Amino acid sequence: MPEWISNNDLFRKVGGNKATFTKEIKNLLDQDYLQFKQVGNRHYYKRDDSGDNEIGFMGIMKLFEDNQKTELDEIERLTTIGYGIYNVNESGYGQWENTLTNEGKELLDHIQSEVDRAYIVMVRMNYQSKLRVITQRIADERTKRLQQHIDKIMTALTSKYDNKLIKEYFQNHLKRLEFKI
């Protein structure tokens, strides 16, 4: 069972940028991943290990699907996400390289953010099944739905645009997700 931890103790444990930390705490509270209480002027948090019921999970999927529709519309609208530039090295040899357009980068950033969120939900469901808050069967079914959601957007993306550019973006923007289970 998770214990309450003060805002300052949590920040010391996690470290990093205070503004980013505060933003992420707010996101976790908004997504009901953390519980909050205030004692005097001190804020305390603890992880919320209660499982999402079917209605709660359907709400999560609705948000994912709404964001996916926006991404699919953007994929349909954009004719390209990259452009070629000719780079000449010090020896005088040149070669063409593809670079992301600003709109292409924004699209891939949004997709990366959604994929990260989906994987966080998957890890959370796996953790909840280990706690026996939800059954392993429910966790597996929900994970399968989330994976299909990710696959749909990635298929649309790779079937329209330069796969080398997409692969390079996602390799360079992988976030290291660490979870205690």
N, C-alpha and C. Protein backbone atom coordinates (compact mmCIF):
# COMPACT_ATOMS: atom_id res chain seq x y z
N MET A 1 0.84 -1.18 0.00
CA MET A 1 0.00 0.00 0.00
C MET A 1 0.89 1.24 0.00
N PRO A 2 0.68 2.15 -0.93
CA PRO A 2 1.53 3.34 -0.99
C PRO A 2 1.31 4.26 0.21
N GLU A 3 2.37 4.95 0.59
CA GLU A 3 2.34 5.88 1.71
C GLU A 3 2.24 7.31 1.19
N TRP A 4 1.73 8.19 2.01
CA TRP A 4 1.67 9.61 1.66
C TRP A 4 3.09 10.17 1.69
N ILE A 5 3.39 11.06 0.72
CA ILE A 5 4.71 11.71 0.66
C ILE A 5 4.48 13.19 0.39
N SER A 6 5.26 14.01 1.07
CA SER A 6 5.09 15.46 0.89
C SER A 6 5.62 15.88 -0.47
N ASN A 7 5.13 17.00 -0.93
CA ASN A 7 5.55 17.57 -2.22
C ASN A 7 7.07 17.74 -2.25
N ASN A 8 7.64 18.30 -1.19
CA ASN A 8 9.09 18.54 -1.15
C ASN A 8 9.88 17.24 -1.15
N ASP A 9 9.44 16.25 -0.37
CA ASP A 9 10.14 14.97 -0.33
C ASP A 9 10.06 14.26 -1.68
N LEU A 10 8.91 14.34 -2.32
CA LEU A 10 8.74 13.73 -3.64
C LEU A 10 9.66 14.41 -4.66
N PHE A 11 9.74 15.74 -4.62
CA PHE A 11 10.62 16.45 -5.54
C PHE A 11 12.08 16.08 -5.29
N ARG A 12 12.49 15.97 -4.04
CA ARG A 12 13.88 15.58 -3.74
C ARG A 12 14.16 14.18 -4.28
N LYS A 13 13.17 13.30 -4.19
CA LYS A 13 13.34 11.92 -4.65
C LYS A 13 13.42 11.86 -6.18
N VAL A 14 12.58 12.65 -6.85
CA VAL A 14 12.50 12.61 -8.31
C VAL A 14 13.55 13.52 -8.94
N GLY A 15 13.71 14.72 -8.40
CA GLY A 15 14.68 15.68 -8.94
C GLY A 15 14.19 16.31 -10.22
N GLY A 16 15.10 16.99 -10.90
CA GLY A 16 14.78 17.60 -12.18
C GLY A 16 14.38 19.06 -12.05
N ASN A 17 13.66 19.51 -13.04
CA ASN A 17 13.20 20.89 -13.12
C ASN A 17 11.91 21.04 -12.32
N LYS A 18 11.86 22.04 -11.44
CA LYS A 18 10.70 22.24 -10.55
C LYS A 18 9.42 22.51 -11.35
N ALA A 19 9.53 23.33 -12.42
CA ALA A 19 8.34 23.65 -13.22
C ALA A 19 7.81 22.39 -13.92
N THR A 20 8.70 21.57 -14.47
CA THR A 20 8.29 20.33 -15.13
C THR A 20 7.68 19.37 -14.12
N PHE A 21 8.30 19.28 -12.95
CA PHE A 21 7.79 18.43 -11.88
C PHE A 21 6.36 18.83 -11.51
N THR A 22 6.14 20.13 -11.32
CA THR A 22 4.81 20.63 -10.94
C THR A 22 3.79 20.32 -12.03
N LYS A 23 4.19 20.49 -13.29
CA LYS A 23 3.29 20.20 -14.42
C LYS A 23 2.94 18.71 -14.45
N GLU A 24 3.93 17.85 -14.25
CA GLU A 24 3.67 16.41 -14.28
C GLU A 24 2.80 15.96 -13.11
N ILE A 25 3.01 16.55 -11.94
CA ILE A 25 2.15 16.23 -10.79
C ILE A 25 0.70 16.60 -11.10
N LYS A 26 0.51 17.77 -11.71
CA LYS A 26 -0.85 18.21 -12.08
C LYS A 26 -1.46 17.23 -13.08
N ASN A 27 -0.67 16.80 -14.08
CA ASN A 27 -1.17 15.82 -15.06
C ASN A 27 -1.57 14.51 -14.38
N LEU A 28 -0.74 14.03 -13.47
CA LEU A 28 -1.06 12.78 -12.77
C LEU A 28 -2.31 12.92 -11.91
N LEU A 29 -2.49 14.07 -11.29
CA LEU A 29 -3.71 14.32 -10.52
C LEU A 29 -4.92 14.38 -11.43
N ASP A 30 -4.80 15.07 -12.58
CA ASP A 30 -5.91 15.18 -13.53
C ASP A 30 -6.32 13.82 -14.07
N GLN A 31 -5.35 12.91 -14.20
CA GLN A 31 -5.63 11.58 -14.74
C GLN A 31 -5.98 10.57 -13.63
N ASP A 32 -6.12 11.07 -12.40
CA ASP A 32 -6.47 10.23 -11.25
C ASP A 32 -5.45 9.13 -10.97
N TYR A 33 -4.17 9.39 -11.25
CA TYR A 33 -3.11 8.45 -10.92
C TYR A 33 -2.55 8.72 -9.53
N LEU A 34 -2.83 9.93 -9.00
CA LEU A 34 -2.38 10.31 -7.66
C LEU A 34 -3.55 10.77 -6.83
N GLN A 35 -3.44 10.53 -5.52
CA GLN A 35 -4.38 11.09 -4.56
C GLN A 35 -3.68 12.27 -3.90
N PHE A 36 -4.45 13.25 -3.47
CA PHE A 36 -3.91 14.48 -2.90
C PHE A 36 -4.59 14.79 -1.58
N LYS A 37 -3.80 15.30 -0.63
CA LYS A 37 -4.38 15.85 0.59
C LYS A 37 -3.49 17.01 1.03
N GLN A 38 -4.11 17.94 1.71
CA GLN A 38 -3.39 19.10 2.21
C GLN A 38 -3.53 19.14 3.73
N VAL A 39 -2.39 19.29 4.41
CA VAL A 39 -2.36 19.43 5.86
C VAL A 39 -1.65 20.74 6.14
N GLY A 40 -2.41 21.74 6.57
CA GLY A 40 -1.83 23.08 6.74
C GLY A 40 -1.42 23.61 5.38
N ASN A 41 -0.18 24.02 5.27
CA ASN A 41 0.34 24.52 3.99
C ASN A 41 1.05 23.43 3.18
N ARG A 42 1.13 22.23 3.71
CA ARG A 42 1.88 21.16 3.04
C ARG A 42 0.95 20.31 2.18
N HIS A 43 1.45 19.94 1.01
CA HIS A 43 0.71 19.08 0.09
C HIS A 43 1.32 17.68 0.16
N TYR A 44 0.45 16.67 0.17
CA TYR A 44 0.87 15.28 0.22
C TYR A 44 0.22 14.52 -0.93
N TYR A 45 0.95 13.53 -1.44
CA TYR A 45 0.46 12.71 -2.54
C TYR A 45 0.70 11.24 -2.23
N LYS A 46 -0.12 10.42 -2.85
CA LYS A 46 0.16 8.98 -2.88
C LYS A 46 -0.46 8.42 -4.15
N ARG A 47 0.12 7.34 -4.60
CA ARG A 47 -0.33 6.69 -5.83
C ARG A 47 -1.73 6.12 -5.62
N ASP A 48 -2.59 6.28 -6.61
CA ASP A 48 -3.94 5.72 -6.55
C ASP A 48 -3.91 4.38 -7.26
N ASP A 49 -4.02 3.32 -6.48
CA ASP A 49 -3.94 1.97 -7.04
C ASP A 49 -5.30 1.36 -7.34
N SER A 50 -6.37 2.13 -7.22
CA SER A 50 -7.68 1.57 -7.54
C SER A 50 -7.78 1.39 -9.05
N GLY A 51 -8.38 0.31 -9.46
CA GLY A 51 -8.50 0.02 -10.88
C GLY A 51 -9.63 0.80 -11.52
N ASP A 52 -9.48 1.07 -12.82
CA ASP A 52 -10.55 1.73 -13.55
C ASP A 52 -11.65 0.71 -13.84
N ASN A 53 -12.90 1.11 -13.56
CA ASN A 53 -14.00 0.24 -13.95
C ASN A 53 -14.18 0.35 -15.46
N GLU A 54 -15.10 -0.40 -16.01
CA GLU A 54 -15.27 -0.41 -17.47
C GLU A 54 -15.65 0.97 -18.01
N ILE A 55 -16.48 1.69 -17.27
CA ILE A 55 -16.88 3.03 -17.71
C ILE A 55 -15.68 3.97 -17.69
N GLY A 56 -14.86 3.86 -16.64
CA GLY A 56 -13.65 4.69 -16.56
C GLY A 56 -12.69 4.39 -17.69
N PHE A 57 -12.50 3.10 -18.00
CA PHE A 57 -11.61 2.74 -19.10
C PHE A 57 -12.18 3.21 -20.44
N MET A 58 -13.49 3.13 -20.61
CA MET A 58 -14.11 3.61 -21.86
C MET A 58 -13.87 5.12 -22.01
N GLY A 59 -13.88 5.86 -20.90
CA GLY A 59 -13.58 7.29 -20.94
C GLY A 59 -12.15 7.54 -21.39
N ILE A 60 -11.21 6.72 -20.89
CA ILE A 60 -9.81 6.83 -21.31
C ILE A 60 -9.70 6.55 -22.81
N MET A 61 -10.36 5.49 -23.26
CA MET A 61 -10.30 5.14 -24.69
C MET A 61 -10.95 6.22 -25.56
N LYS A 62 -12.02 6.84 -25.07
CA LYS A 62 -12.68 7.92 -25.83
C LYS A 62 -11.70 9.07 -26.05
N LEU A 63 -10.95 9.43 -25.01
CA LEU A 63 -9.95 10.49 -25.14
C LEU A 63 -8.87 10.09 -26.15
N PHE A 64 -8.39 8.84 -26.06
CA PHE A 64 -7.39 8.37 -27.02
C PHE A 64 -7.94 8.41 -28.45
N GLU A 65 -9.18 7.99 -28.63
CA GLU A 65 -9.78 7.95 -29.96
C GLU A 65 -10.00 9.36 -30.51
N ASP A 66 -10.40 10.30 -29.66
CA ASP A 66 -10.55 11.69 -30.11
C ASP A 66 -9.20 12.25 -30.58
N ASN A 67 -8.16 12.00 -29.81
CA ASN A 67 -6.83 12.46 -30.21
C ASN A 67 -6.36 11.76 -31.48
N GLN A 68 -6.70 10.48 -31.61
CA GLN A 68 -6.31 9.73 -32.80
C GLN A 68 -7.00 10.30 -34.04
N LYS A 69 -8.27 10.67 -33.91
CA LYS A 69 -8.99 11.26 -35.05
C LYS A 69 -8.28 12.54 -35.50
N THR A 70 -7.86 13.35 -34.54
CA THR A 70 -7.12 14.58 -34.87
C THR A 70 -5.84 14.24 -35.61
N GLU A 71 -5.12 13.23 -35.14
CA GLU A 71 -3.87 12.82 -35.79
C GLU A 71 -4.13 12.28 -37.19
N LEU A 72 -5.15 11.44 -37.35
CA LEU A 72 -5.47 10.89 -38.68
C LEU A 72 -5.88 11.99 -39.65
N ASP A 73 -6.64 12.97 -39.16
CA ASP A 73 -7.02 14.11 -40.00
C ASP A 73 -5.78 14.89 -40.44
N GLU A 74 -4.84 15.06 -39.53
CA GLU A 74 -3.60 15.78 -39.84
C GLU A 74 -2.75 15.00 -40.85
N ILE A 75 -2.71 13.68 -40.70
CA ILE A 75 -1.99 12.84 -41.67
C ILE A 75 -2.62 12.98 -43.05
N GLU A 76 -3.93 12.99 -43.09
CA GLU A 76 -4.65 13.16 -44.35
C GLU A 76 -4.36 14.53 -44.97
N ARG A 77 -4.30 15.56 -44.15
CA ARG A 77 -4.11 16.93 -44.63
C ARG A 77 -2.70 17.19 -45.13
N LEU A 78 -1.71 16.71 -44.40
CA LEU A 78 -0.33 17.01 -44.77
C LEU A 78 0.13 16.12 -45.92
N THR A 79 0.65 16.74 -46.96
CA THR A 79 1.16 15.95 -48.09
C THR A 79 2.54 15.37 -47.77
N THR A 80 3.28 16.05 -46.91
CA THR A 80 4.60 15.57 -46.51
C THR A 80 4.90 16.04 -45.10
N ILE A 81 5.83 15.34 -44.45
CA ILE A 81 6.28 15.79 -43.13
C ILE A 81 7.76 16.16 -43.16
N GLY A 82 8.35 16.05 -44.34
CA GLY A 82 9.78 16.34 -44.44
C GLY A 82 10.13 17.04 -45.73
N TYR A 83 11.33 17.56 -45.77
CA TYR A 83 11.84 18.17 -47.00
C TYR A 83 13.32 17.85 -47.09
N GLY A 84 13.84 17.89 -48.30
CA GLY A 84 15.24 17.56 -48.52
C GLY A 84 16.13 18.78 -48.45
N ILE A 85 17.29 18.60 -47.86
CA ILE A 85 18.32 19.65 -47.88
C ILE A 85 19.62 19.00 -48.34
N TYR A 86 20.42 19.78 -49.02
CA TYR A 86 21.69 19.28 -49.54
C TYR A 86 22.80 19.78 -48.64
N ASN A 87 23.45 18.86 -47.94
CA ASN A 87 24.53 19.20 -47.03
C ASN A 87 25.87 18.87 -47.66
N VAL A 88 26.81 19.81 -47.57
CA VAL A 88 28.16 19.60 -48.07
C VAL A 88 29.09 19.52 -46.87
N ASN A 89 29.90 18.44 -46.81
CA ASN A 89 30.82 18.30 -45.68
C ASN A 89 32.12 19.07 -45.95
N GLU A 90 33.06 19.01 -45.01
CA GLU A 90 34.32 19.76 -45.13
C GLU A 90 35.15 19.33 -46.33
N SER A 91 35.00 18.11 -46.78
CA SER A 91 35.76 17.61 -47.93
C SER A 91 35.15 18.05 -49.25
N GLY A 92 34.01 18.70 -49.19
CA GLY A 92 33.36 19.16 -50.41
C GLY A 92 32.36 18.19 -50.99
N TYR A 93 32.16 17.06 -50.33
CA TYR A 93 31.17 16.10 -50.79
C TYR A 93 29.82 16.43 -50.19
N GLY A 94 28.80 16.29 -51.00
CA GLY A 94 27.46 16.62 -50.53
C GLY A 94 26.53 15.44 -50.64
N GLN A 95 25.46 15.52 -49.88
CA GLN A 95 24.41 14.50 -49.97
C GLN A 95 23.09 15.09 -49.52
N TRP A 96 22.01 14.51 -50.04
CA TRP A 96 20.68 14.94 -49.67
C TRP A 96 20.29 14.28 -48.36
N GLU A 97 19.69 15.08 -47.48
CA GLU A 97 19.16 14.57 -46.22
C GLU A 97 17.76 15.11 -46.04
N ASN A 98 16.90 14.26 -45.50
CA ASN A 98 15.54 14.69 -45.21
C ASN A 98 15.46 15.26 -43.80
N THR A 99 14.69 16.33 -43.66
CA THR A 99 14.47 17.00 -42.39
C THR A 99 12.98 17.19 -42.20
N LEU A 100 12.54 17.12 -40.96
CA LEU A 100 11.12 17.31 -40.67
C LEU A 100 10.70 18.76 -40.88
N THR A 101 9.51 18.95 -41.41
CA THR A 101 8.90 20.27 -41.44
C THR A 101 8.41 20.57 -40.03
N ASN A 102 8.09 21.84 -39.75
CA ASN A 102 7.56 22.19 -38.43
C ASN A 102 6.26 21.45 -38.15
N GLU A 103 5.38 21.39 -39.17
CA GLU A 103 4.12 20.67 -38.99
C GLU A 103 4.35 19.18 -38.79
N GLY A 104 5.33 18.63 -39.51
CA GLY A 104 5.66 17.22 -39.36
C GLY A 104 6.17 16.92 -37.96
N LYS A 105 7.02 17.79 -37.45
CA LYS A 105 7.54 17.61 -36.09
C LYS A 105 6.41 17.70 -35.07
N GLU A 106 5.51 18.67 -35.24
CA GLU A 106 4.37 18.79 -34.31
C GLU A 106 3.51 17.53 -34.33
N LEU A 107 3.26 16.99 -35.52
CA LEU A 107 2.46 15.77 -35.63
C LEU A 107 3.16 14.61 -34.91
N LEU A 108 4.45 14.42 -35.18
CA LEU A 108 5.17 13.31 -34.56
C LEU A 108 5.30 13.51 -33.05
N ASP A 109 5.47 14.75 -32.61
CA ASP A 109 5.51 15.02 -31.17
C ASP A 109 4.19 14.62 -30.51
N HIS A 110 3.08 14.96 -31.16
CA HIS A 110 1.76 14.63 -30.61
C HIS A 110 1.57 13.11 -30.57
N ILE A 111 1.96 12.44 -31.64
CA ILE A 111 1.83 10.98 -31.68
C ILE A 111 2.71 10.35 -30.60
N GLN A 112 3.95 10.84 -30.46
CA GLN A 112 4.85 10.31 -29.43
C GLN A 112 4.23 10.46 -28.04
N SER A 113 3.64 11.61 -27.79
CA SER A 113 3.01 11.88 -26.50
C SER A 113 1.85 10.92 -26.25
N GLU A 114 1.06 10.66 -27.26
CA GLU A 114 -0.08 9.73 -27.13
C GLU A 114 0.39 8.29 -26.92
N VAL A 115 1.43 7.90 -27.63
CA VAL A 115 1.98 6.55 -27.47
C VAL A 115 2.52 6.39 -26.05
N ASP A 116 3.24 7.39 -25.57
CA ASP A 116 3.76 7.34 -24.20
C ASP A 116 2.61 7.19 -23.20
N ARG A 117 1.55 7.96 -23.39
CA ARG A 117 0.40 7.89 -22.49
C ARG A 117 -0.24 6.50 -22.52
N ALA A 118 -0.36 5.93 -23.72
CA ALA A 118 -0.96 4.60 -23.84
C ALA A 118 -0.10 3.55 -23.13
N TYR A 119 1.22 3.65 -23.26
CA TYR A 119 2.09 2.69 -22.58
C TYR A 119 2.03 2.86 -21.07
N ILE A 120 1.88 4.08 -20.60
CA ILE A 120 1.74 4.30 -19.16
C ILE A 120 0.46 3.63 -18.65
N VAL A 121 -0.63 3.75 -19.41
CA VAL A 121 -1.88 3.09 -19.03
C VAL A 121 -1.69 1.57 -19.01
N MET A 122 -0.97 1.04 -20.00
CA MET A 122 -0.72 -0.41 -20.05
C MET A 122 0.07 -0.88 -18.83
N VAL A 123 1.11 -0.15 -18.49
CA VAL A 123 1.93 -0.52 -17.33
C VAL A 123 1.09 -0.44 -16.05
N ARG A 124 0.28 0.59 -15.96
CA ARG A 124 -0.58 0.76 -14.78
C ARG A 124 -1.56 -0.41 -14.66
N MET A 125 -2.14 -0.84 -15.78
CA MET A 125 -3.08 -1.97 -15.74
C MET A 125 -2.37 -3.25 -15.34
N ASN A 126 -1.15 -3.44 -15.84
CA ASN A 126 -0.37 -4.62 -15.46
C ASN A 126 -0.11 -4.62 -13.95
N TYR A 127 0.23 -3.46 -13.43
CA TYR A 127 0.48 -3.32 -11.99
C TYR A 127 -0.81 -3.61 -11.21
N GLN A 128 -1.93 -3.08 -11.69
CA GLN A 128 -3.21 -3.31 -11.00
C GLN A 128 -3.59 -4.79 -11.03
N SER A 129 -3.26 -5.49 -12.11
CA SER A 129 -3.57 -6.92 -12.15
C SER A 129 -2.69 -7.69 -11.17
N LYS A 130 -1.44 -7.25 -10.98
CA LYS A 130 -0.57 -7.90 -9.98
C LYS A 130 -1.08 -7.66 -8.56
N LEU A 131 -1.70 -6.49 -8.34
CA LEU A 131 -2.30 -6.20 -7.03
C LEU A 131 -3.67 -6.88 -6.88
N ARG A 132 -4.16 -7.46 -7.97
CA ARG A 132 -5.47 -8.11 -8.02
C ARG A 132 -6.61 -7.11 -7.86
N VAL A 133 -6.36 -5.87 -8.30
CA VAL A 133 -7.41 -4.85 -8.33
C VAL A 133 -8.29 -5.08 -9.55
N ILE A 134 -7.67 -5.51 -10.65
CA ILE A 134 -8.40 -5.97 -11.83
C ILE A 134 -7.84 -7.34 -12.19
N THR A 135 -8.60 -8.10 -12.96
CA THR A 135 -8.13 -9.44 -13.34
C THR A 135 -7.11 -9.34 -14.46
N GLN A 136 -6.30 -10.37 -14.59
CA GLN A 136 -5.31 -10.41 -15.66
C GLN A 136 -6.01 -10.42 -17.03
N ARG A 137 -7.14 -11.08 -17.11
CA ARG A 137 -7.90 -11.12 -18.37
C ARG A 137 -8.32 -9.72 -18.78
N ILE A 138 -8.85 -8.94 -17.84
CA ILE A 138 -9.26 -7.56 -18.15
C ILE A 138 -8.05 -6.73 -18.56
N ALA A 139 -6.94 -6.88 -17.84
CA ALA A 139 -5.71 -6.14 -18.18
C ALA A 139 -5.25 -6.50 -19.59
N ASP A 140 -5.29 -7.79 -19.92
CA ASP A 140 -4.86 -8.24 -21.26
C ASP A 140 -5.78 -7.68 -22.36
N GLU A 141 -7.10 -7.72 -22.13
CA GLU A 141 -8.05 -7.20 -23.12
C GLU A 141 -7.84 -5.70 -23.34
N ARG A 142 -7.65 -4.96 -22.27
CA ARG A 142 -7.45 -3.52 -22.39
C ARG A 142 -6.11 -3.20 -23.05
N THR A 143 -5.08 -3.96 -22.71
CA THR A 143 -3.77 -3.78 -23.34
C THR A 143 -3.87 -4.03 -24.84
N LYS A 144 -4.61 -5.05 -25.21
CA LYS A 144 -4.79 -5.36 -26.64
C LYS A 144 -5.49 -4.20 -27.35
N ARG A 145 -6.49 -3.61 -26.73
CA ARG A 145 -7.19 -2.46 -27.34
C ARG A 145 -6.26 -1.27 -27.51
N LEU A 146 -5.45 -1.02 -26.48
CA LEU A 146 -4.51 0.10 -26.56
C LEU A 146 -3.45 -0.15 -27.62
N GLN A 147 -2.97 -1.39 -27.73
CA GLN A 147 -1.97 -1.72 -28.75
C GLN A 147 -2.56 -1.57 -30.15
N GLN A 148 -3.80 -1.97 -30.34
CA GLN A 148 -4.47 -1.78 -31.64
C GLN A 148 -4.61 -0.29 -31.95
N HIS A 149 -4.89 0.50 -30.94
CA HIS A 149 -4.99 1.95 -31.10
C HIS A 149 -3.65 2.51 -31.60
N ILE A 150 -2.56 2.11 -30.96
CA ILE A 150 -1.22 2.57 -31.35
C ILE A 150 -0.91 2.10 -32.77
N ASP A 151 -1.19 0.83 -33.06
CA ASP A 151 -0.88 0.26 -34.37
C ASP A 151 -1.62 0.99 -35.48
N LYS A 152 -2.86 1.39 -35.24
CA LYS A 152 -3.66 2.07 -36.27
C LYS A 152 -3.01 3.39 -36.67
N ILE A 153 -2.59 4.18 -35.70
CA ILE A 153 -1.99 5.47 -36.03
C ILE A 153 -0.61 5.29 -36.66
N MET A 154 0.15 4.31 -36.18
CA MET A 154 1.50 4.09 -36.75
C MET A 154 1.40 3.55 -38.18
N THR A 155 0.41 2.73 -38.46
CA THR A 155 0.22 2.21 -39.82
C THR A 155 -0.14 3.35 -40.77
N ALA A 156 -1.04 4.22 -40.34
CA ALA A 156 -1.43 5.37 -41.17
C ALA A 156 -0.21 6.26 -41.44
N LEU A 157 0.59 6.45 -40.43
CA LEU A 157 1.77 7.32 -40.54
C LEU A 157 2.80 6.72 -41.49
N THR A 158 3.13 5.45 -41.29
CA THR A 158 4.20 4.83 -42.10
C THR A 158 3.75 4.49 -43.52
N SER A 159 2.46 4.39 -43.74
CA SER A 159 2.00 4.09 -45.10
C SER A 159 1.98 5.35 -45.98
N LYS A 160 2.07 6.53 -45.38
CA LYS A 160 2.00 7.76 -46.17
C LYS A 160 3.34 8.48 -46.29
N TYR A 161 4.17 8.40 -45.27
CA TYR A 161 5.37 9.23 -45.24
C TYR A 161 6.65 8.40 -45.26
N ASP A 162 7.76 9.10 -45.39
CA ASP A 162 9.10 8.52 -45.44
C ASP A 162 9.40 7.76 -44.14
N ASN A 163 9.47 6.43 -44.26
CA ASN A 163 9.69 5.61 -43.08
C ASN A 163 11.04 5.86 -42.42
N LYS A 164 12.05 6.21 -43.24
CA LYS A 164 13.37 6.48 -42.68
C LYS A 164 13.32 7.70 -41.76
N LEU A 165 12.61 8.73 -42.18
CA LEU A 165 12.47 9.94 -41.39
C LEU A 165 11.68 9.67 -40.09
N ILE A 166 10.63 8.89 -40.20
CA ILE A 166 9.82 8.53 -39.03
C ILE A 166 10.64 7.69 -38.05
N LYS A 167 11.34 6.70 -38.57
CA LYS A 167 12.17 5.84 -37.73
C LYS A 167 13.23 6.66 -37.01
N GLU A 168 13.86 7.56 -37.73
CA GLU A 168 14.90 8.41 -37.13
C GLU A 168 14.31 9.28 -36.01
N TYR A 169 13.13 9.85 -36.26
CA TYR A 169 12.49 10.69 -35.24
C TYR A 169 12.22 9.88 -33.97
N PHE A 170 11.58 8.72 -34.11
CA PHE A 170 11.20 7.96 -32.93
C PHE A 170 12.42 7.37 -32.22
N GLN A 171 13.48 7.04 -32.95
CA GLN A 171 14.70 6.56 -32.29
C GLN A 171 15.36 7.68 -31.49
N ASN A 172 15.30 8.90 -32.01
CA ASN A 172 15.93 10.04 -31.34
C ASN A 172 15.07 10.62 -30.23
N HIS A 173 13.79 10.26 -30.18
CA HIS A 173 12.89 10.85 -29.19
C HIS A 173 12.32 9.82 -28.22
N LEU A 174 12.95 8.67 -28.13
CA LEU A 174 12.49 7.68 -27.17
C LEU A 174 12.70 8.21 -25.77
N LYS A 175 11.69 8.07 -24.97
CA LYS A 175 11.80 8.48 -23.57
C LYS A 175 12.06 7.24 -22.75
N ARG A 176 12.87 7.39 -21.75
CA ARG A 176 13.15 6.27 -20.87
C ARG A 176 12.08 6.24 -19.80
N LEU A 177 11.21 5.26 -19.91
CA LEU A 177 10.13 5.12 -18.93
C LEU A 177 10.55 4.10 -17.88
N GLU A 178 10.59 4.53 -16.64
CA GLU A 178 10.94 3.64 -15.55
C GLU A 178 9.74 3.52 -14.62
N PHE A 179 9.43 2.30 -14.28
CA PHE A 179 8.29 2.06 -13.42
C PHE A 179 8.69 1.06 -12.34
N LYS A 180 8.24 1.31 -11.15
CA LYS A 180 8.44 0.35 -10.06
C LYS A 180 7.18 -0.51 -10.00
N ILE A 181 7.39 -1.79 -10.14
CA ILE A 181 6.26 -2.73 -10.08
C ILE A 181 6.51 -3.70 -8.97
